[in-house]
C-alpha cells in the first residue's frame, strides 16, 4: 500500500523544483545481491517516477545557473550493512520507510562552482 503522505510530499517537492507531476507512476521491485532488505527486494520507481523534467535555478558569482532535475521518485529505504574483522551485520531500523530521491542531471560546470574546495596546485 503506497504511503499517501510520502506521495503528497514528493509531489510538493516536484512542484518546488518546477517538475511535471506525472499523471501515472508505478513502483517496481529491485533485487540486489547484498542483504539490505529482509524480503530480498526493494520497492522503487524506475521508469515511471512521480516527478520529471524539473530545474533548479540559483545565482553564483552574479550569474544564474540552472541544474536539471530529470526525476524525483519514491523508494523504500534499505538496511545498512556493517562489516567487521570476523563478522558482518545489517541494521534494519530504517528498512521499508519511504525515501524520496532527487536526481540531478549534471555536475557543475567549472571547479570554482564546487564551492569551498581548494584549487589544486602543481
PDB file of N, CA and C in Angstrom:
ATOM      1  N   UNK A   1       0.846  -1.177   0.000  1.00  0.00           N
ATOM      2  CA  UNK A   1       0.000   0.000   0.000  1.00  0.00           C
ATOM      3  C   UNK A   1       0.890   1.238   0.000  1.00  0.00           C
ATOM      4  N   UNK A   2       0.754   2.120  -0.972  1.00  0.00           N
ATOM      5  CA  UNK A   2       1.575   3.336  -1.008  1.00  0.00           C
ATOM      6  C   UNK A   2       1.301   4.246   0.187  1.00  0.00           C
ATOM      7  N   UNK A   3       2.310   4.948   0.623  1.00  0.00           N
ATOM      8  CA  UNK A   3       2.199   5.895   1.721  1.00  0.00           C
ATOM      9  C   UNK A   3       1.697   7.222   1.147  1.00  0.00           C
ATOM     10  N   UNK A   4       0.450   7.580   1.435  1.00  0.00           N
ATOM     11  CA  UNK A   4      -0.175   8.766   0.852  1.00  0.00           C
ATOM     12  C   UNK A   4       0.586  10.044   1.197  1.00  0.00           C
ATOM     13  N   UNK A   5       1.049  10.173   2.422  1.00  0.00           N
ATOM     14  CA  UNK A   5       1.776  11.383   2.828  1.00  0.00           C
ATOM     15  C   UNK A   5       3.111  11.496   2.101  1.00  0.00           C
ATOM     16  N   UNK A   6       3.801  10.376   1.894  1.00  0.00           N
ATOM     17  CA  UNK A   6       5.068  10.401   1.160  1.00  0.00           C
ATOM     18  C   UNK A   6       4.836  10.811  -0.288  1.00  0.00           C
ATOM     19  N   UNK A   7       3.762  10.333  -0.897  1.00  0.00           N
ATOM     20  CA  UNK A   7       3.434  10.714  -2.269  1.00  0.00           C
ATOM     21  C   UNK A   7       3.098  12.204  -2.341  1.00  0.00           C
ATOM     22  N   UNK A   8       2.317  12.695  -1.382  1.00  0.00           N
ATOM     23  CA  UNK A   8       1.948  14.117  -1.349  1.00  0.00           C
ATOM     24  C   UNK A   8       3.195  14.995  -1.226  1.00  0.00           C
ATOM     25  N   UNK A   9       4.095  14.646  -0.307  1.00  0.00           N
ATOM     26  CA  UNK A   9       5.298  15.454  -0.109  1.00  0.00           C
ATOM     27  C   UNK A   9       6.243  15.366  -1.303  1.00  0.00           C
ATOM     28  N   UNK A  10       6.282  14.233  -1.975  1.00  0.00           N
ATOM     29  CA  UNK A  10       7.108  14.112  -3.177  1.00  0.00           C
ATOM     30  C   UNK A  10       6.540  14.982  -4.292  1.00  0.00           C
ATOM     31  N   UNK A  11       5.225  15.007  -4.450  1.00  0.00           N
ATOM     32  CA  UNK A  11       4.599  15.866  -5.462  1.00  0.00           C
ATOM     33  C   UNK A  11       4.845  17.339  -5.138  1.00  0.00           C
ATOM     34  N   UNK A  12       4.748  17.722  -3.866  1.00  0.00           N
ATOM     35  CA  UNK A  12       5.029  19.111  -3.479  1.00  0.00           C
ATOM     36  C   UNK A  12       6.483  19.475  -3.781  1.00  0.00           C
ATOM     37  N   UNK A  13       7.395  18.562  -3.500  1.00  0.00           N
ATOM     38  CA  UNK A  13       8.811  18.800  -3.812  1.00  0.00           C
ATOM     39  C   UNK A  13       8.985  18.972  -5.312  1.00  0.00           C
ATOM     40  N   UNK A  14       8.310  18.154  -6.093  1.00  0.00           N
ATOM     41  CA  UNK A  14       8.361  18.282  -7.543  1.00  0.00           C
ATOM     42  C   UNK A  14       7.877  19.637  -8.016  1.00  0.00           C
ATOM     43  N   UNK A  15       6.832  20.155  -7.401  1.00  0.00           N
ATOM     44  CA  UNK A  15       6.332  21.481  -7.776  1.00  0.00           C
ATOM     45  C   UNK A  15       7.363  22.562  -7.457  1.00  0.00           C
ATOM     46  N   UNK A  16       8.008  22.455  -6.299  1.00  0.00           N
ATOM     47  CA  UNK A  16       9.041  23.421  -5.920  1.00  0.00           C
ATOM     48  C   UNK A  16      10.204  23.375  -6.905  1.00  0.00           C
ATOM     49  N   UNK A  17      10.499  22.188  -7.436  1.00  0.00           N
ATOM     50  CA  UNK A  17      11.609  22.015  -8.378  1.00  0.00           C
ATOM     51  C   UNK A  17      11.172  22.185  -9.832  1.00  0.00           C
ATOM     52  N   UNK A  18       9.990  22.763 -10.052  1.00  0.00           N
ATOM     53  CA  UNK A  18       9.477  23.042 -11.394  1.00  0.00           C
ATOM     54  C   UNK A  18       9.335  21.786 -12.252  1.00  0.00           C
ATOM     55  N   UNK A  19       9.001  20.675 -11.633  1.00  0.00           N
ATOM     56  CA  UNK A  19       8.831  19.409 -12.348  1.00  0.00           C
ATOM     57  C   UNK A  19       7.419  19.288 -12.919  1.00  0.00           C
ATOM     58  N   UNK A  20       7.297  18.398 -13.890  1.00  0.00           N
ATOM     59  CA  UNK A  20       5.987  17.936 -14.321  1.00  0.00           C
ATOM     60  C   UNK A  20       5.589  16.824 -13.359  1.00  0.00           C
ATOM     61  N   UNK A  21       4.374  16.864 -12.856  1.00  0.00           N
ATOM     62  CA  UNK A  21       3.878  15.819 -11.964  1.00  0.00           C
ATOM     63  C   UNK A  21       3.192  14.770 -12.836  1.00  0.00           C
ATOM     64  N   UNK A  22       3.684  13.566 -12.773  1.00  0.00           N
ATOM     65  CA  UNK A  22       3.173  12.501 -13.638  1.00  0.00           C
ATOM     66  C   UNK A  22       1.732  12.144 -13.283  1.00  0.00           C
ATOM     67  N   UNK A  23       0.919  11.973 -14.303  1.00  0.00           N
ATOM     68  CA  UNK A  23      -0.459  11.528 -14.081  1.00  0.00           C
ATOM     69  C   UNK A  23      -0.489  10.039 -13.754  1.00  0.00           C
ATOM     70  N   UNK A  24       0.555   9.334 -14.191  1.00  0.00           N
ATOM     71  CA  UNK A  24       0.660   7.898 -13.940  1.00  0.00           C
ATOM     72  C   UNK A  24       2.089   7.601 -13.495  1.00  0.00           C
ATOM     73  N   UNK A  25       2.228   6.926 -12.385  1.00  0.00           N
ATOM     74  CA  UNK A  25       3.548   6.462 -11.949  1.00  0.00           C
ATOM     75  C   UNK A  25       3.371   5.053 -11.408  1.00  0.00           C
ATOM     76  N   UNK A  26       4.474   4.355 -11.283  1.00  0.00           N
ATOM     77  CA  UNK A  26       4.368   2.984 -10.776  1.00  0.00           C
ATOM     78  C   UNK A  26       5.611   2.629  -9.975  1.00  0.00           C
ATOM     79  N   UNK A  27       5.489   1.585  -9.215  1.00  0.00           N
ATOM     80  CA  UNK A  27       6.585   1.076  -8.395  1.00  0.00           C
ATOM     81  C   UNK A  27       7.056  -0.263  -8.945  1.00  0.00           C
ATOM     82  N   UNK A  28       8.341  -0.522  -8.800  1.00  0.00           N
ATOM     83  CA  UNK A  28       8.943  -1.772  -9.262  1.00  0.00           C
ATOM     84  C   UNK A  28       9.724  -2.415  -8.121  1.00  0.00           C
ATOM     85  N   UNK A  29      10.022  -3.679  -8.284  1.00  0.00           N
ATOM     86  CA  UNK A  29      10.906  -4.387  -7.351  1.00  0.00           C
ATOM     87  C   UNK A  29      12.333  -4.333  -7.888  1.00  0.00           C
ATOM     88  N   UNK A  30      13.277  -3.992  -7.021  1.00  0.00           N
ATOM     89  CA  UNK A  30      14.699  -4.033  -7.390  1.00  0.00           C
ATOM     90  C   UNK A  30      15.374  -5.089  -6.514  1.00  0.00           C
ATOM     91  N   UNK A  31      16.084  -5.994  -7.147  1.00  0.00           N
ATOM     92  CA  UNK A  31      16.801  -7.042  -6.421  1.00  0.00           C
ATOM     93  C   UNK A  31      18.298  -6.759  -6.444  1.00  0.00           C
ATOM     94  N   UNK A  32      18.945  -7.034  -5.330  1.00  0.00           N
ATOM     95  CA  UNK A  32      20.385  -6.860  -5.213  1.00  0.00           C
ATOM     96  C   UNK A  32      21.000  -8.151  -4.701  1.00  0.00           C
ATOM     97  N   UNK A  33      22.304  -8.255  -4.796  1.00  0.00           N
ATOM     98  CA  UNK A  33      22.987  -9.447  -4.306  1.00  0.00           C
ATOM     99  C   UNK A  33      23.399  -9.311  -2.842  1.00  0.00           C
ATOM    100  N   UNK A  34      23.183  -8.141  -2.236  1.00  0.00           N
ATOM    101  CA  UNK A  34      23.554  -7.962  -0.828  1.00  0.00           C
ATOM    102  C   UNK A  34      22.287  -7.863   0.025  1.00  0.00           C
ATOM    103  N   UNK A  35      22.370  -8.287   1.280  1.00  0.00           N
ATOM    104  CA  UNK A  35      21.182  -8.434   2.129  1.00  0.00           C
ATOM    105  C   UNK A  35      20.772  -7.144   2.834  1.00  0.00           C
ATOM    106  N   UNK A  36      20.163  -6.191   2.110  1.00  0.00           N
ATOM    107  CA  UNK A  36      19.790  -4.946   2.766  1.00  0.00           C
ATOM    108  C   UNK A  36      18.295  -4.845   3.082  1.00  0.00           C
ATOM    109  N   UNK A  37      17.513  -5.838   2.663  1.00  0.00           N
ATOM    110  CA  UNK A  37      16.090  -5.886   2.994  1.00  0.00           C
ATOM    111  C   UNK A  37      15.725  -7.311   3.392  1.00  0.00           C
ATOM    112  N   UNK A  38      14.944  -7.475   4.452  1.00  0.00           N
ATOM    113  CA  UNK A  38      14.567  -8.827   4.871  1.00  0.00           C
ATOM    114  C   UNK A  38      13.797  -9.597   3.797  1.00  0.00           C
ATOM    115  N   UNK A  39      13.037  -8.910   2.963  1.00  0.00           N
ATOM    116  CA  UNK A  39      12.250  -9.586   1.930  1.00  0.00           C
ATOM    117  C   UNK A  39      13.030  -9.816   0.641  1.00  0.00           C
ATOM    118  N   UNK A  40      14.296  -9.358   0.586  1.00  0.00           N
ATOM    119  CA  UNK A  40      15.220  -9.594  -0.524  1.00  0.00           C
ATOM    120  C   UNK A  40      14.928  -8.768  -1.782  1.00  0.00           C
ATOM    121  N   UNK A  41      14.123  -7.712  -1.667  1.00  0.00           N
ATOM    122  CA  UNK A  41      13.944  -6.782  -2.769  1.00  0.00           C
ATOM    123  C   UNK A  41      13.537  -5.424  -2.194  1.00  0.00           C
ATOM    124  N   UNK A  42      13.719  -4.379  -3.003  1.00  0.00           N
ATOM    125  CA  UNK A  42      13.362  -3.017  -2.617  1.00  0.00           C
ATOM    126  C   UNK A  42      12.280  -2.516  -3.567  1.00  0.00           C
ATOM    127  N   UNK A  43      11.267  -1.823  -3.031  1.00  0.00           N
ATOM    128  CA  UNK A  43      10.249  -1.188  -3.853  1.00  0.00           C
ATOM    129  C   UNK A  43      10.776   0.194  -4.240  1.00  0.00           C
ATOM    130  N   UNK A  44      10.788   0.485  -5.544  1.00  0.00           N
ATOM    131  CA  UNK A  44      11.319   1.748  -6.034  1.00  0.00           C
ATOM    132  C   UNK A  44      10.584   2.140  -7.309  1.00  0.00           C
ATOM    133  N   UNK A  45      10.774   3.379  -7.739  1.00  0.00           N
ATOM    134  CA  UNK A  45      10.243   3.819  -9.017  1.00  0.00           C
ATOM    135  C   UNK A  45      11.412   3.904  -9.982  1.00  0.00           C
ATOM    136  N   UNK A  46      11.221   3.371 -11.181  1.00  0.00           N
ATOM    137  CA  UNK A  46      12.302   3.412 -12.153  1.00  0.00           C
ATOM    138  C   UNK A  46      11.868   4.146 -13.418  1.00  0.00           C
ATOM    139  N   UNK A  47      11.022   3.524 -14.215  1.00  0.00           N
ATOM    140  CA  UNK A  47      10.670   4.124 -15.495  1.00  0.00           C
ATOM    141  C   UNK A  47       9.457   5.047 -15.432  1.00  0.00           C
ATOM    142  N   UNK A  48       8.733   5.079 -14.333  1.00  0.00           N
ATOM    143  CA  UNK A  48       7.564   5.947 -14.189  1.00  0.00           C
ATOM    144  C   UNK A  48       7.603   6.662 -12.838  1.00  0.00           C
ATOM    145  N   UNK A  49       8.538   7.634 -12.665  1.00  0.00           N
ATOM    146  CA  UNK A  49       8.633   8.336 -11.383  1.00  0.00           C
ATOM    147  C   UNK A  49       7.480   9.328 -11.200  1.00  0.00           C
ATOM    148  N   UNK A  50       7.301   9.805  -9.975  1.00  0.00           N
ATOM    149  CA  UNK A  50       6.235  10.760  -9.677  1.00  0.00           C
ATOM    150  C   UNK A  50       6.453  12.118 -10.339  1.00  0.00           C
ATOM    151  N   UNK A  51       7.707  12.577 -10.402  1.00  0.00           N
ATOM    152  CA  UNK A  51       8.009  13.919 -10.903  1.00  0.00           C
ATOM    153  C   UNK A  51       9.143  13.839 -11.921  1.00  0.00           C
ATOM    154  N   UNK A  52       9.020  14.589 -13.023  1.00  0.00           N
ATOM    155  CA  UNK A  52      10.030  14.558 -14.087  1.00  0.00           C
ATOM    156  C   UNK A  52      10.283  15.968 -14.636  1.00  0.00           C
ATOM    157  N   UNK A  53      11.415  16.117 -15.308  1.00  0.00           N
ATOM    158  CA  UNK A  53      11.767  17.316 -16.085  1.00  0.00           C
ATOM    159  C   UNK A  53      11.745  18.607 -15.278  1.00  0.00           C
ATOM    160  N   UNK A  54      12.375  18.596 -14.118  1.00  0.00           N
ATOM    161  CA  UNK A  54      12.442  19.800 -13.299  1.00  0.00           C
ATOM    162  C   UNK A  54      13.721  20.584 -13.530  1.00  0.00           C
ATOM    163  N   UNK A  55      13.811  21.727 -12.878  1.00  0.00           N
ATOM    164  CA  UNK A  55      15.010  22.548 -12.965  1.00  0.00           C
ATOM    165  C   UNK A  55      15.125  23.397 -11.691  1.00  0.00           C
ATOM    166  N   UNK A  56      16.362  23.578 -11.247  1.00  0.00           N
ATOM    167  CA  UNK A  56      16.652  24.457 -10.122  1.00  0.00           C
ATOM    168  C   UNK A  56      17.530  25.576 -10.652  1.00  0.00           C
ATOM    169  N   UNK A  57      17.153  26.795 -10.363  1.00  0.00           N
ATOM    170  CA  UNK A  57      17.966  27.946 -10.737  1.00  0.00           C
ATOM    171  C   UNK A  57      18.522  28.575  -9.478  1.00  0.00           C
ATOM    172  N   UNK A  58      19.791  29.004  -9.551  1.00  0.00           N
ATOM    173  CA  UNK A  58      20.416  29.692  -8.420  1.00  0.00           C
ATOM    174  C   UNK A  58      21.459  30.648  -8.950  1.00  0.00           C
ATOM    175  N   UNK A  59      21.791  31.627  -8.123  1.00  0.00           N
ATOM    176  CA  UNK A  59      22.792  32.605  -8.517  1.00  0.00           C
ATOM    177  C   UNK A  59      24.139  32.197  -7.952  1.00  0.00           C
ATOM    178  N   UNK A  60      25.171  32.285  -8.803  1.00  0.00           N
ATOM    179  CA  UNK A  60      26.538  32.009  -8.379  1.00  0.00           C
ATOM    180  C   UNK A  60      27.454  33.014  -9.056  1.00  0.00           C
ATOM    181  N   UNK A  61      28.155  33.761  -8.261  1.00  0.00           N
ATOM    182  CA  UNK A  61      29.076  34.787  -8.757  1.00  0.00           C
ATOM    183  C   UNK A  61      28.416  35.705  -9.784  1.00  0.00           C
ATOM    184  N   UNK A  62      27.192  36.136  -9.466  1.00  0.00           N
ATOM    185  CA  UNK A  62      26.497  37.093 -10.312  1.00  0.00           C
ATOM    186  C   UNK A  62      25.823  36.507 -11.538  1.00  0.00           C
ATOM    187  N   UNK A  63      25.906  35.212 -11.738  1.00  0.00           N
ATOM    188  CA  UNK A  63      25.290  34.573 -12.898  1.00  0.00           C
ATOM    189  C   UNK A  63      24.205  33.605 -12.423  1.00  0.00           C
ATOM    190  N   UNK A  64      23.170  33.468 -13.230  1.00  0.00           N
ATOM    191  CA  UNK A  64      22.116  32.499 -12.943  1.00  0.00           C
ATOM    192  C   UNK A  64      22.537  31.148 -13.514  1.00  0.00           C
ATOM    193  N   UNK A  65      22.569  30.143 -12.663  1.00  0.00           N
ATOM    194  CA  UNK A  65      22.914  28.776 -13.074  1.00  0.00           C
ATOM    195  C   UNK A  65      21.655  27.930 -13.024  1.00  0.00           C
ATOM    196  N   UNK A  66      21.584  26.955 -13.898  1.00  0.00           N
ATOM    197  CA  UNK A  66      20.448  26.032 -13.959  1.00  0.00           C
ATOM    198  C   UNK A  66      20.961  24.601 -13.846  1.00  0.00           C
ATOM    199  N   UNK A  67      20.326  23.827 -13.001  1.00  0.00           N
ATOM    200  CA  UNK A  67      20.633  22.403 -12.883  1.00  0.00           C
ATOM    201  C   UNK A  67      19.340  21.646 -13.149  1.00  0.00           C
ATOM    202  N   UNK A  68      19.371  20.757 -14.125  1.00  0.00           N
ATOM    203  CA  UNK A  68      18.195  19.957 -14.450  1.00  0.00           C
ATOM    204  C   UNK A  68      17.931  18.892 -13.400  1.00  0.00           C
ATOM    205  N   UNK A  69      16.668  18.625 -13.173  1.00  0.00           N
ATOM    206  CA  UNK A  69      16.224  17.559 -12.273  1.00  0.00           C
ATOM    207  C   UNK A  69      15.399  16.592 -13.119  1.00  0.00           C
ATOM    208  N   UNK A  70      16.021  15.532 -13.653  1.00  0.00           N
ATOM    209  CA  UNK A  70      15.268  14.632 -14.523  1.00  0.00           C
ATOM    210  C   UNK A  70      14.182  13.844 -13.802  1.00  0.00           C
ATOM    211  N   UNK A  71      14.341  13.646 -12.476  1.00  0.00           N
ATOM    212  CA  UNK A  71      13.350  12.837 -11.779  1.00  0.00           C
ATOM    213  C   UNK A  71      13.401  13.062 -10.275  1.00  0.00           C
ATOM    214  N   UNK A  72      12.238  12.959  -9.667  1.00  0.00           N
ATOM    215  CA  UNK A  72      12.099  12.884  -8.208  1.00  0.00           C
ATOM    216  C   UNK A  72      11.211  11.670  -7.986  1.00  0.00           C
ATOM    217  N   UNK A  73      11.714  10.702  -7.247  1.00  0.00           N
ATOM    218  CA  UNK A  73      10.927   9.477  -7.083  1.00  0.00           C
ATOM    219  C   UNK A  73      10.963   8.964  -5.649  1.00  0.00           C
ATOM    220  N   UNK A  74      10.077   8.053  -5.368  1.00  0.00           N
ATOM    221  CA  UNK A  74       9.990   7.404  -4.057  1.00  0.00           C
ATOM    222  C   UNK A  74      10.551   5.998  -4.130  1.00  0.00           C
ATOM    223  N   UNK A  75      11.143   5.577  -3.040  1.00  0.00           N
ATOM    224  CA  UNK A  75      11.562   4.187  -2.887  1.00  0.00           C
ATOM    225  C   UNK A  75      11.602   3.859  -1.406  1.00  0.00           C
ATOM    226  N   UNK A  76      11.781   2.602  -1.098  1.00  0.00           N
ATOM    227  CA  UNK A  76      11.937   2.197   0.292  1.00  0.00           C
ATOM    228  C   UNK A  76      13.382   2.402   0.713  1.00  0.00           C
ATOM    229  N   UNK A  77      13.563   2.950   1.904  1.00  0.00           N
ATOM    230  CA  UNK A  77      14.909   2.987   2.453  1.00  0.00           C
ATOM    231  C   UNK A  77      15.299   1.546   2.770  1.00  0.00           C
ATOM    232  N   UNK A  78      16.581   1.278   2.729  1.00  0.00           N
ATOM    233  CA  UNK A  78      17.068  -0.083   2.966  1.00  0.00           C
ATOM    234  C   UNK A  78      17.878  -0.137   4.256  1.00  0.00           C
ATOM    235  N   UNK A  79      18.224  -1.337   4.652  1.00  0.00           N
ATOM    236  CA  UNK A  79      19.074  -1.509   5.822  1.00  0.00           C
ATOM    237  C   UNK A  79      20.501  -1.097   5.522  1.00  0.00           C
ATOM    238  N   UNK A  80      21.272  -0.906   6.585  1.00  0.00           N
ATOM    239  CA  UNK A  80      22.674  -0.526   6.424  1.00  0.00           C
ATOM    240  C   UNK A  80      23.561  -1.706   6.792  1.00  0.00           C
ATOM    241  N   UNK A  81      24.442  -2.061   5.856  1.00  0.00           N
ATOM    242  CA  UNK A  81      25.369  -3.169   6.097  1.00  0.00           C
ATOM    243  C   UNK A  81      26.598  -2.691   6.863  1.00  0.00           C
ATOM    244  N   UNK A  82      27.014  -3.490   7.840  1.00  0.00           N
ATOM    245  CA  UNK A  82      28.225  -3.233   8.618  1.00  0.00           C
ATOM    246  C   UNK A  82      29.149  -4.423   8.477  1.00  0.00           C
ATOM    247  N   UNK A  83      30.417  -4.168   8.268  1.00  0.00           N
ATOM    248  CA  UNK A  83      31.392  -5.239   8.127  1.00  0.00           C
ATOM    249  C   UNK A  83      32.506  -5.039   9.142  1.00  0.00           C
ATOM    250  N   UNK A  84      32.797  -6.092   9.865  1.00  0.00           N
ATOM    251  CA  UNK A  84      33.831  -6.071  10.896  1.00  0.00           C
ATOM    252  C   UNK A  84      34.896  -7.099  10.530  1.00  0.00           C
ATOM    253  N   UNK A  85      35.893  -7.254  11.366  1.00  0.00           N
ATOM    254  CA  UNK A  85      37.009  -8.156  11.063  1.00  0.00           C
ATOM    255  C   UNK A  85      36.548  -9.600  10.846  1.00  0.00           C
ATOM    256  N   UNK A  86      35.654 -10.085  11.672  1.00  0.00           N
ATOM    257  CA  UNK A  86      35.274 -11.501  11.582  1.00  0.00           C
ATOM    258  C   UNK A  86      33.795 -11.747  11.297  1.00  0.00           C
ATOM    259  N   UNK A  87      33.014 -10.690  11.209  1.00  0.00           N
ATOM    260  CA  UNK A  87      31.577 -10.869  11.015  1.00  0.00           C
ATOM    261  C   UNK A  87      30.978  -9.655  10.306  1.00  0.00           C
ATOM    262  N   UNK A  88      29.750  -9.791   9.866  1.00  0.00           N
ATOM    263  CA  UNK A  88      29.007  -8.681   9.263  1.00  0.00           C
ATOM    264  C   UNK A  88      27.614  -8.641   9.867  1.00  0.00           C
ATOM    265  N   UNK A  89      26.955  -7.495   9.749  1.00  0.00           N
ATOM    266  CA  UNK A  89      25.603  -7.358  10.261  1.00  0.00           C
ATOM    267  C   UNK A  89      24.830  -6.355   9.433  1.00  0.00           C
ATOM    268  N   UNK A  90      23.501  -6.324   9.660  1.00  0.00           N
ATOM    269  CA  UNK A  90      22.639  -5.393   8.957  1.00  0.00           C
ATOM    270  C   UNK A  90      21.740  -4.705   9.970  1.00  0.00           C
ATOM    271  N   UNK A  91      21.684  -3.378   9.907  1.00  0.00           N
ATOM    272  CA  UNK A  91      20.785  -2.587  10.741  1.00  0.00           C
ATOM    273  C   UNK A  91      19.529  -2.318   9.919  1.00  0.00           C
ATOM    274  N   UNK A  92      18.406  -2.916  10.301  1.00  0.00           N
ATOM    275  CA  UNK A  92      17.157  -2.780   9.553  1.00  0.00           C
ATOM    276  C   UNK A  92      16.242  -1.691  10.117  1.00  0.00           C
ATOM    277  N   UNK A  93      16.752  -0.799  10.978  1.00  0.00           N
ATOM    278  CA  UNK A  93      15.897   0.198  11.622  1.00  0.00           C
ATOM    279  C   UNK A  93      15.119   1.064  10.636  1.00  0.00           C
ATOM    280  N   UNK A  94      15.714   1.453   9.519  1.00  0.00           N
ATOM    281  CA  UNK A  94      15.024   2.310   8.546  1.00  0.00           C
ATOM    282  C   UNK A  94      14.430   1.512   7.386  1.00  0.00           C
ATOM    283  N   UNK A  95      14.663   0.246   7.307  1.00  0.00           N
ATOM    284  CA  UNK A  95      14.219  -0.554   6.168  1.00  0.00           C
ATOM    285  C   UNK A  95      12.707  -0.471   6.003  1.00  0.00           C
ATOM    286  N   UNK A  96      12.280  -0.163   4.776  1.00  0.00           N
ATOM    287  CA  UNK A  96      10.862  -0.087   4.460  1.00  0.00           C
ATOM    288  C   UNK A  96      10.253   1.292   4.622  1.00  0.00           C
ATOM    289  N   UNK A  97      10.982   2.241   5.189  1.00  0.00           N
ATOM    290  CA  UNK A  97      10.484   3.606   5.376  1.00  0.00           C
ATOM    291  C   UNK A  97      10.566   4.344   4.039  1.00  0.00           C
ATOM    292  N   UNK A  98       9.554   5.149   3.680  1.00  0.00           N
ATOM    293  CA  UNK A  98       9.615   5.883   2.405  1.00  0.00           C
ATOM    294  C   UNK A  98      10.820   6.819   2.341  1.00  0.00           C
ATOM    295  N   UNK A  99      11.462   6.840   1.192  1.00  0.00           N
ATOM    296  CA  UNK A  99      12.630   7.684   0.951  1.00  0.00           C
ATOM    297  C   UNK A  99      12.425   8.392  -0.386  1.00  0.00           C
ATOM    298  N   UNK A 100      12.480   9.722  -0.371  1.00  0.00           N
ATOM    299  CA  UNK A 100      12.365  10.485  -1.613  1.00  0.00           C
ATOM    300  C   UNK A 100      13.765  10.743  -2.139  1.00  0.00           C
ATOM    301  N   UNK A 101      13.960  10.503  -3.436  1.00  0.00           N
ATOM    302  CA  UNK A 101      15.264  10.716  -4.051  1.00  0.00           C
ATOM    303  C   UNK A 101      15.121  11.762  -5.155  1.00  0.00           C
ATOM    304  N   UNK A 102      15.988  12.786  -5.097  1.00  0.00           N
ATOM    305  CA  UNK A 102      16.034  13.837  -6.114  1.00  0.00           C
ATOM    306  C   UNK A 102      17.275  13.587  -6.948  1.00  0.00           C
ATOM    307  N   UNK A 103      17.114  13.432  -8.252  1.00  0.00           N
ATOM    308  CA  UNK A 103      18.223  13.115  -9.150  1.00  0.00           C
ATOM    309  C   UNK A 103      18.574  14.360  -9.960  1.00  0.00           C
ATOM    310  N   UNK A 104      19.829  14.810  -9.849  1.00  0.00           N
ATOM    311  CA  UNK A 104      20.301  15.966 -10.627  1.00  0.00           C
ATOM    312  C   UNK A 104      20.837  15.493 -11.965  1.00  0.00           C
ATOM    313  N   UNK A 105      20.725  16.355 -12.986  1.00  0.00           N
ATOM    314  CA  UNK A 105      21.072  15.980 -14.355  1.00  0.00           C
ATOM    315  C   UNK A 105      22.555  16.031 -14.657  1.00  0.00           C
ATOM    316  N   UNK A 106      23.294  16.925 -14.037  1.00  0.00           N
ATOM    317  CA  UNK A 106      24.690  17.069 -14.425  1.00  0.00           C
ATOM    318  C   UNK A 106      25.516  17.598 -13.271  1.00  0.00           C
ATOM    319  N   UNK A 107      26.820  17.558 -13.460  1.00  0.00           N
ATOM    320  CA  UNK A 107      27.738  18.151 -12.498  1.00  0.00           C
ATOM    321  C   UNK A 107      27.847  19.640 -12.781  1.00  0.00           C
ATOM    322  N   UNK A 108      28.349  20.379 -11.820  1.00  0.00           N
ATOM    323  CA  UNK A 108      28.570  21.805 -12.039  1.00  0.00           C
ATOM    324  C   UNK A 108      29.676  22.000 -13.064  1.00  0.00           C
ATOM    325  N   UNK A 109      29.647  23.116 -13.771  1.00  0.00           N
ATOM    326  CA  UNK A 109      30.473  23.297 -14.953  1.00  0.00           C
ATOM    327  C   UNK A 109      31.961  23.539 -14.708  1.00  0.00           C
ATOM    328  N   UNK A 110      32.312  24.329 -13.737  1.00  0.00           N
ATOM    329  CA  UNK A 110      33.725  24.665 -13.529  1.00  0.00           C
ATOM    330  C   UNK A 110      34.109  24.424 -12.089  1.00  0.00           C
ATOM    331  N   UNK A 111      35.395  24.304 -11.835  1.00  0.00           N
ATOM    332  CA  UNK A 111      35.843  23.969 -10.494  1.00  0.00           C
ATOM    333  C   UNK A 111      35.454  25.020  -9.471  1.00  0.00           C
ATOM    334  N   UNK A 112      35.433  26.278  -9.844  1.00  0.00           N
ATOM    335  CA  UNK A 112      35.067  27.336  -8.900  1.00  0.00           C
ATOM    336  C   UNK A 112      33.670  27.104  -8.343  1.00  0.00           C
ATOM    337  N   UNK A 113      32.828  26.412  -9.089  1.00  0.00           N
ATOM    338  CA  UNK A 113      31.472  26.149  -8.631  1.00  0.00           C
ATOM    339  C   UNK A 113      31.387  24.986  -7.647  1.00  0.00           C
ATOM    340  N   UNK A 114      32.467  24.321  -7.369  1.00  0.00           N
ATOM    341  CA  UNK A 114      32.412  23.218  -6.409  1.00  0.00           C
ATOM    342  C   UNK A 114      32.370  23.723  -4.984  1.00  0.00           C
ATOM    343  N   UNK A 115      32.441  25.034  -4.799  1.00  0.00           N
ATOM    344  CA  UNK A 115      32.257  25.679  -3.509  1.00  0.00           C
ATOM    345  C   UNK A 115      33.172  25.132  -2.409  1.00  0.00           C
ATOM    346  N   UNK A 116      34.036  25.933  -1.952  1.00  0.00           N
ATOM    347  CA  UNK A 116      34.925  25.653  -0.819  1.00  0.00           C
ATOM    348  C   UNK A 116      35.971  24.572  -1.049  1.00  0.00           C
ATOM    349  N   UNK A 117      36.121  24.064  -2.232  1.00  0.00           N
ATOM    350  CA  UNK A 117      37.178  23.090  -2.498  1.00  0.00           C
ATOM    351  C   UNK A 117      38.394  23.857  -2.995  1.00  0.00           C
ATOM    352  N   UNK A 118      39.551  23.603  -2.438  1.00  0.00           N
ATOM    353  CA  UNK A 118      40.738  24.350  -2.862  1.00  0.00           C
ATOM    354  C   UNK A 118      41.144  23.984  -4.297  1.00  0.00           C
ATOM    355  N   UNK A 119      41.737  24.955  -4.969  1.00  0.00           N
ATOM    356  CA  UNK A 119      42.247  24.715  -6.311  1.00  0.00           C
ATOM    357  C   UNK A 119      43.568  23.961  -6.196  1.00  0.00           C
ATOM    358  N   UNK A 120      43.708  22.828  -6.904  1.00  0.00           N
ATOM    359  CA  UNK A 120      44.961  22.070  -6.806  1.00  0.00           C
ATOM    360  C   UNK A 120      46.120  22.853  -7.416  1.00  0.00           C
ATOM    361  N   UNK A 121      47.279  22.696  -6.822  1.00  0.00           N
ATOM    362  CA  UNK A 121      48.487  23.337  -7.340  1.00  0.00           C
ATOM    363  C   UNK A 121      49.428  22.286  -7.875  1.00  0.00           C
ATOM    364  N   UNK A 122      50.258  22.654  -8.862  1.00  0.00           N
ATOM    365  CA  UNK A 122      51.192  21.718  -9.463  1.00  0.00           C
ATOM    366  C   UNK A 122      52.513  21.712  -8.715  1.00  0.00           C
TER     367      UNK A 122
END
